[in-house]
Protein backbone atom coordinates (compact mmCIF):
# COMPACT_ATOMS: atom_id res chain seq x y z
CA MET A 1 14.00 -23.70 8.96
CA ASN A 2 11.49 -23.23 6.15
CA ARG A 3 8.56 -24.10 8.42
CA SER A 4 9.57 -21.38 10.91
CA ARG A 5 9.42 -18.76 8.13
CA ARG A 6 6.04 -19.89 6.83
CA LEU A 7 3.19 -17.47 7.51
CA PRO A 8 0.32 -18.70 9.67
CA SER A 9 -2.95 -19.46 7.90
CA TRP A 10 -4.72 -16.42 9.37
CA ALA A 11 -1.98 -14.12 8.04
CA THR A 12 -2.20 -15.53 4.51
CA GLY A 13 -5.97 -15.17 4.69
CA ILE A 14 -5.69 -11.48 5.63
CA ILE A 15 -3.18 -10.89 2.84
CA GLY A 16 -5.48 -12.59 0.32
CA ILE A 17 -8.47 -10.49 1.39
CA ALA A 18 -6.38 -7.31 1.19
CA ILE A 19 -5.29 -8.18 -2.37
CA VAL A 20 -8.89 -8.85 -3.44
CA ILE A 21 -10.08 -5.53 -1.95
CA ALA A 22 -7.21 -3.66 -3.62
CA LEU A 23 -7.98 -5.18 -7.04
CA TRP A 24 -11.69 -4.44 -6.54
CA TRP A 25 -10.99 -0.80 -5.64
CA ILE A 26 -8.60 -0.27 -8.56
CA SER A 27 -11.07 -1.83 -11.01
CA ALA A 28 -13.93 0.30 -9.69
CA VAL A 29 -12.08 3.59 -10.22
CA THR A 30 -10.39 2.68 -13.53
CA VAL A 31 -11.77 -0.01 -15.84
CA PHE A 32 -15.40 0.14 -14.66
CA ALA A 33 -15.51 3.85 -13.75
CA ASN A 34 -17.37 5.09 -16.87
CA VAL A 35 -19.44 2.35 -18.49
CA GLY A 36 -22.42 2.62 -20.84
CA PRO A 37 -24.11 5.67 -22.37
CA ALA A 38 -24.69 7.20 -18.94
CA LYS A 39 -21.00 6.99 -18.12
CA VAL A 40 -21.60 5.77 -14.58
CA GLY A 41 -19.61 3.41 -12.43
CA ALA A 42 -20.66 -0.20 -12.98
CA ILE A 43 -18.88 -1.34 -9.81
CA PRO A 44 -19.00 0.65 -6.56
CA THR A 45 -15.85 1.03 -4.51
CA PRO A 46 -15.52 -0.92 -1.24
CA LEU A 47 -15.98 2.35 0.67
CA GLU A 48 -19.28 3.07 -1.10
CA VAL A 49 -20.53 -0.43 -0.31
CA VAL A 50 -19.58 -0.09 3.37
CA GLN A 51 -21.30 3.30 3.52
CA GLN A 52 -24.45 1.79 2.00
CA ILE A 53 -24.43 -1.07 4.52
CA GLY A 54 -24.08 1.46 7.33
CA ALA A 55 -26.90 3.60 5.91
CA ASP A 56 -29.25 0.60 5.61
CA GLY A 57 -28.55 -0.46 9.17
CA PHE A 58 -28.48 -3.78 10.98
CA GLY A 59 -32.25 -4.10 11.12
CA TYR A 60 -32.61 -4.06 7.34
CA TYR A 61 -30.09 -6.83 6.79
CA TRP A 62 -31.13 -8.97 9.76
CA GLY A 63 -34.74 -8.92 8.63
CA HIS A 64 -33.71 -10.62 5.39
CA ILE A 65 -30.88 -12.76 6.80
CA SER A 66 -33.09 -14.33 9.47
CA VAL A 67 -35.59 -15.60 6.88
CA THR A 68 -32.96 -16.94 4.49
CA LEU A 69 -31.01 -18.55 7.32
CA SER A 70 -34.07 -20.38 8.62
CA GLU A 71 -34.82 -21.72 5.12
CA ALA A 72 -31.19 -22.73 4.56
CA ALA A 73 -30.97 -24.38 7.99
CA MET A 74 -34.09 -26.48 7.45
CA GLY A 75 -32.93 -27.47 3.98
CA PHE A 76 -29.49 -28.27 5.39
CA VAL A 77 -30.98 -30.60 8.01
CA TRP A 78 -33.33 -32.33 5.57
CA GLY A 79 -30.80 -32.72 2.76
CA ASN A 80 -27.94 -33.92 4.93
CA GLY A 81 -30.20 -36.12 7.04
CA LEU A 82 -31.48 -37.96 3.98
CA ALA A 83 -27.95 -38.17 2.56
CA LEU A 84 -26.54 -39.72 5.74
CA LEU A 85 -29.48 -42.11 5.95
CA LEU A 86 -28.91 -43.24 2.37
CA ALA A 87 -25.17 -43.69 2.92
CA GLY A 88 -25.79 -45.82 6.01
CA LEU A 89 -28.35 -47.88 4.15
CA VAL A 90 -25.82 -48.60 1.41
CA LEU A 91 -23.43 -50.12 3.93
CA LEU A 92 -26.15 -52.34 5.35
CA VAL A 93 -27.41 -53.29 1.86
CA PRO A 94 -24.39 -52.98 -0.49
CA ARG A 95 -26.44 -54.00 -3.54
CA ILE A 96 -28.15 -50.61 -3.66
CA GLU A 97 -24.91 -48.63 -3.86
CA LYS A 98 -25.13 -48.02 -7.62
CA VAL A 99 -28.73 -46.88 -7.30
CA ALA A 100 -27.85 -44.56 -4.42
CA VAL A 101 -24.95 -43.01 -6.32
CA GLN A 102 -27.14 -42.56 -9.40
CA ILE A 103 -29.77 -40.78 -7.31
CA ALA A 104 -27.11 -38.48 -5.87
CA VAL A 105 -25.66 -37.73 -9.32
CA ILE A 106 -29.12 -36.97 -10.73
CA THR A 107 -29.80 -34.45 -7.94
CA TYR A 108 -26.42 -32.85 -8.67
CA CYS A 109 -26.98 -32.65 -12.43
CA ILE A 110 -30.43 -31.06 -12.22
CA PRO A 111 -29.95 -27.26 -12.53
CA ILE A 112 -31.41 -25.56 -9.48
CA VAL A 113 -32.60 -22.67 -11.64
CA ALA A 114 -34.54 -25.10 -13.85
CA ILE A 115 -36.12 -27.18 -11.09
CA GLY A 116 -36.96 -24.13 -8.98
CA PRO A 117 -40.08 -22.98 -10.90
CA ILE A 118 -41.43 -26.54 -10.96
CA ALA A 119 -40.87 -26.88 -7.21
CA LYS A 120 -42.62 -23.56 -6.63
CA ILE A 121 -45.69 -24.73 -8.56
CA VAL A 122 -45.80 -28.07 -6.70
CA ILE A 123 -45.04 -26.74 -3.22
CA GLY A 124 -46.84 -23.43 -3.54
CA SER A 125 -46.26 -20.13 -1.76
CA PRO A 126 -45.82 -20.02 2.02
CA ASP A 127 -48.08 -18.24 4.47
CA PRO A 128 -46.97 -14.70 5.35
CA GLY A 129 -43.95 -14.81 7.64
CA ASP A 130 -43.29 -18.55 7.15
CA PRO A 131 -40.16 -19.95 5.46
CA ALA A 132 -40.65 -20.79 1.80
CA GLY A 133 -41.00 -24.49 1.07
CA THR A 134 -39.32 -24.01 -2.31
CA ALA A 135 -36.28 -22.47 -0.63
CA ILE A 136 -36.06 -25.36 1.84
CA PHE A 137 -36.33 -27.87 -1.00
CA LEU A 138 -33.64 -26.22 -3.13
CA ALA A 139 -31.35 -25.87 -0.11
CA ALA A 140 -31.76 -29.59 0.60
CA LEU A 141 -31.15 -30.41 -3.06
CA ALA A 142 -27.97 -28.32 -3.08
CA VAL A 143 -26.36 -30.31 -0.25
CA PHE A 144 -27.58 -33.85 -0.97
CA PHE A 145 -24.93 -34.95 -3.50
CA THR A 146 -21.94 -33.65 -1.56
CA THR A 147 -22.93 -35.37 1.67
CA VAL A 148 -23.92 -38.67 0.05
CA ILE A 149 -20.58 -39.03 -1.75
CA GLY A 150 -18.52 -37.73 1.18
CA SER A 151 -20.29 -40.04 3.63
CA LEU A 152 -19.90 -43.10 1.39
CA LEU A 153 -16.19 -42.43 0.99
CA GLY A 154 -15.82 -41.90 4.72
CA LEU A 155 -17.79 -44.98 5.72
CA LYS A 156 -15.67 -47.07 3.37
CA ALA A 157 -12.44 -45.68 4.84
CA ALA A 158 -12.67 -47.88 7.94
CA ASP A 159 -9.62 -49.99 8.71
CA GLN A 160 -10.22 -53.58 7.64
CA ALA A 161 -8.37 -54.95 10.67
CA SER A 162 -10.76 -53.14 13.01
CA LEU A 163 -13.73 -54.52 11.09
CA ASP A 164 -12.29 -58.02 11.37
CA VAL A 165 -11.92 -57.63 15.14
CA VAL A 166 -15.63 -56.80 15.43
CA SER A 167 -16.49 -59.80 13.28
CA VAL A 168 -14.28 -62.13 15.34
CA TYR A 169 -16.14 -61.11 18.49
CA GLY A 170 -19.48 -61.89 16.86
CA GLY A 171 -20.45 -58.43 15.65
CA GLY A 172 -22.39 -58.02 12.42
CA LYS A 173 -22.65 -55.19 9.90
CA TRP A 174 -24.69 -53.05 12.28
CA MET A 175 -22.05 -53.39 15.00
CA GLN A 176 -19.28 -52.59 12.50
CA LEU A 177 -21.20 -49.51 11.44
CA ARG A 178 -21.62 -48.24 15.01
CA LYS A 179 -18.21 -49.15 16.40
CA VAL A 180 -15.85 -48.63 13.48
CA ARG A 181 -17.27 -47.15 10.30
CA ILE A 182 -19.00 -44.12 11.82
CA VAL A 183 -15.85 -43.12 13.73
CA ALA A 184 -13.73 -43.51 10.60
CA ALA A 185 -16.25 -41.53 8.55
CA ILE A 186 -16.53 -38.50 10.87
CA PRO A 187 -13.73 -36.46 9.18
CA ALA A 188 -15.18 -36.99 5.70
CA VAL A 189 -18.73 -36.31 6.87
CA LEU A 190 -17.72 -33.08 8.60
CA THR A 191 -15.85 -31.99 5.47
CA ALA A 192 -18.98 -32.63 3.42
CA LEU A 193 -21.08 -30.65 5.91
CA LYS A 194 -18.54 -27.83 5.78
CA ILE A 195 -19.01 -27.58 2.01
CA SER A 196 -22.78 -28.02 2.30
CA ALA A 197 -23.31 -25.03 4.61
CA PRO A 198 -22.63 -22.35 1.95
CA ALA A 199 -24.41 -24.47 -0.68
CA ALA A 200 -27.60 -24.56 1.40
CA LEU A 201 -27.60 -20.77 1.72
CA LEU A 202 -27.08 -20.40 -2.03
CA GLY A 203 -29.98 -22.75 -2.76
CA ALA A 204 -32.28 -20.76 -0.48
CA ILE A 205 -31.25 -17.44 -2.07
CA ILE A 206 -31.86 -18.75 -5.58
CA ALA A 207 -35.33 -19.95 -4.55
CA GLU A 208 -36.17 -16.50 -3.20
CA TYR A 209 -35.51 -15.04 -6.64
CA LEU A 210 -38.60 -16.93 -7.81
CA GLY A 211 -40.81 -14.84 -5.56
CA GLY A 212 -43.55 -15.92 -3.18
CA VAL A 213 -41.72 -14.60 -0.11
CA GLU A 214 -42.02 -11.32 1.76
CA ARG A 215 -38.41 -11.14 2.98
CA GLY A 216 -35.08 -12.78 2.24
CA LEU A 217 -31.66 -12.00 0.82
CA GLY A 218 -32.63 -13.16 -2.65
CA LEU A 219 -35.75 -10.99 -2.71
CA ALA A 220 -33.79 -8.01 -1.37
CA MET A 221 -31.14 -8.36 -4.09
CA LEU A 222 -33.82 -8.66 -6.75
CA ALA A 223 -35.60 -5.54 -5.50
CA ALA A 224 -32.35 -3.55 -5.25
CA GLY A 225 -31.33 -4.63 -8.75
CA SER A 226 -34.71 -3.63 -10.19
CA ALA A 227 -34.34 -0.20 -8.57
CA ALA A 228 -30.77 0.15 -9.93
CA GLN A 229 -29.39 0.42 -6.39
CA VAL A 230 -25.98 -0.98 -7.27
CA ASP A 231 -24.36 -0.20 -3.91
CA ARG A 232 -27.11 -2.08 -2.06
CA VAL A 233 -26.89 -5.07 -4.40
CA TRP A 234 -23.19 -5.33 -3.69
CA GLY A 235 -23.76 -4.87 0.03
CA LEU A 236 -26.32 -7.68 0.08
CA ALA A 237 -23.99 -9.91 -1.94
CA ILE A 238 -21.13 -9.31 0.48
CA VAL A 239 -23.33 -9.91 3.51
CA SER A 240 -24.55 -13.16 1.92
CA GLY A 241 -20.95 -14.21 1.34
CA LEU A 242 -20.04 -13.44 4.95
CA VAL A 243 -22.97 -15.49 6.25
CA ALA A 244 -21.99 -18.41 4.00
CA GLY A 245 -18.38 -18.08 5.12
CA LEU A 246 -19.45 -18.19 8.78
CA GLY A 247 -21.30 -21.44 8.11
CA TYR A 248 -18.21 -22.90 6.46
CA ALA A 249 -15.97 -21.70 9.31
CA LEU A 250 -18.34 -23.11 11.96
CA PHE A 251 -18.10 -26.65 10.60
CA GLY A 252 -14.39 -26.19 10.03
CA LEU A 253 -14.03 -25.33 13.72
CA ILE A 254 -16.16 -28.32 14.73
CA SER A 255 -14.03 -30.57 12.54
CA ARG A 256 -10.83 -29.16 14.04
CA PHE A 257 -11.84 -30.06 17.59
CA ALA A 258 -13.93 -33.17 16.91
CA THR A 259 -11.40 -34.96 14.69
CA PRO A 260 -7.91 -33.74 15.66
CA TRP A 261 -6.39 -37.02 14.44
CA SER A 262 -7.37 -36.29 10.85
CA SER A 263 -4.77 -33.53 10.61
CA GLY A 264 -2.13 -35.10 12.80
CA ARG A 265 -2.92 -32.99 15.91
CA SER A 266 -3.34 -34.37 19.39
CA ALA A 267 -6.79 -34.28 20.96
């Protein structure tokens, strides 16, 4: 009876977004309406942000999104590829697990803002029109820890009875990895990738704040902030959030259809 009255997930999502927009609008016209000596609004209303996005046009945003997306995508592939490789190596050589986890923790504990300037000096500025190497590096760094830990947990979640069956039929660790562990790890790996998608975009945007690029969401936000274009800053921030949310939703959709057993659904 209770389950029949429960709202579907899409309905609760719409209600949550509506509440956030309502609180944002109320705050913009009340608490943050007259701030500072100039008595100007510190936060634009949702309508003002939408109007600014419409005035800027699709071409303005796509010109920056395309650059940042390419940097985030390359960093996503590099960071997750190395993370999966390290997790697989740990299963084949269990003695290096502590070292692998320590490496992952170190990459997680290093502040991206602090390592960014050093990476920019080492990597240098890109050629005009090319993705920034610093942005790719920071995007890869942002996803490495999550995927290493998620993959290790997933690869260790294999059923021991299934592993024993492979061993009985003469299979070694490599056969166990291919036939059992990888299948058992897919839900955890896809969850890690789902979290990594927005993190990669964030890493690329932070790198663009350091300069050395001609276009990008980070550079656009920095330029709009320097020119006191508050509506545009908010518009760029919202567009960035939507792009990150699409990346999260994409891997969520892949996980839903690729691993239906993980949530009790039939294939």
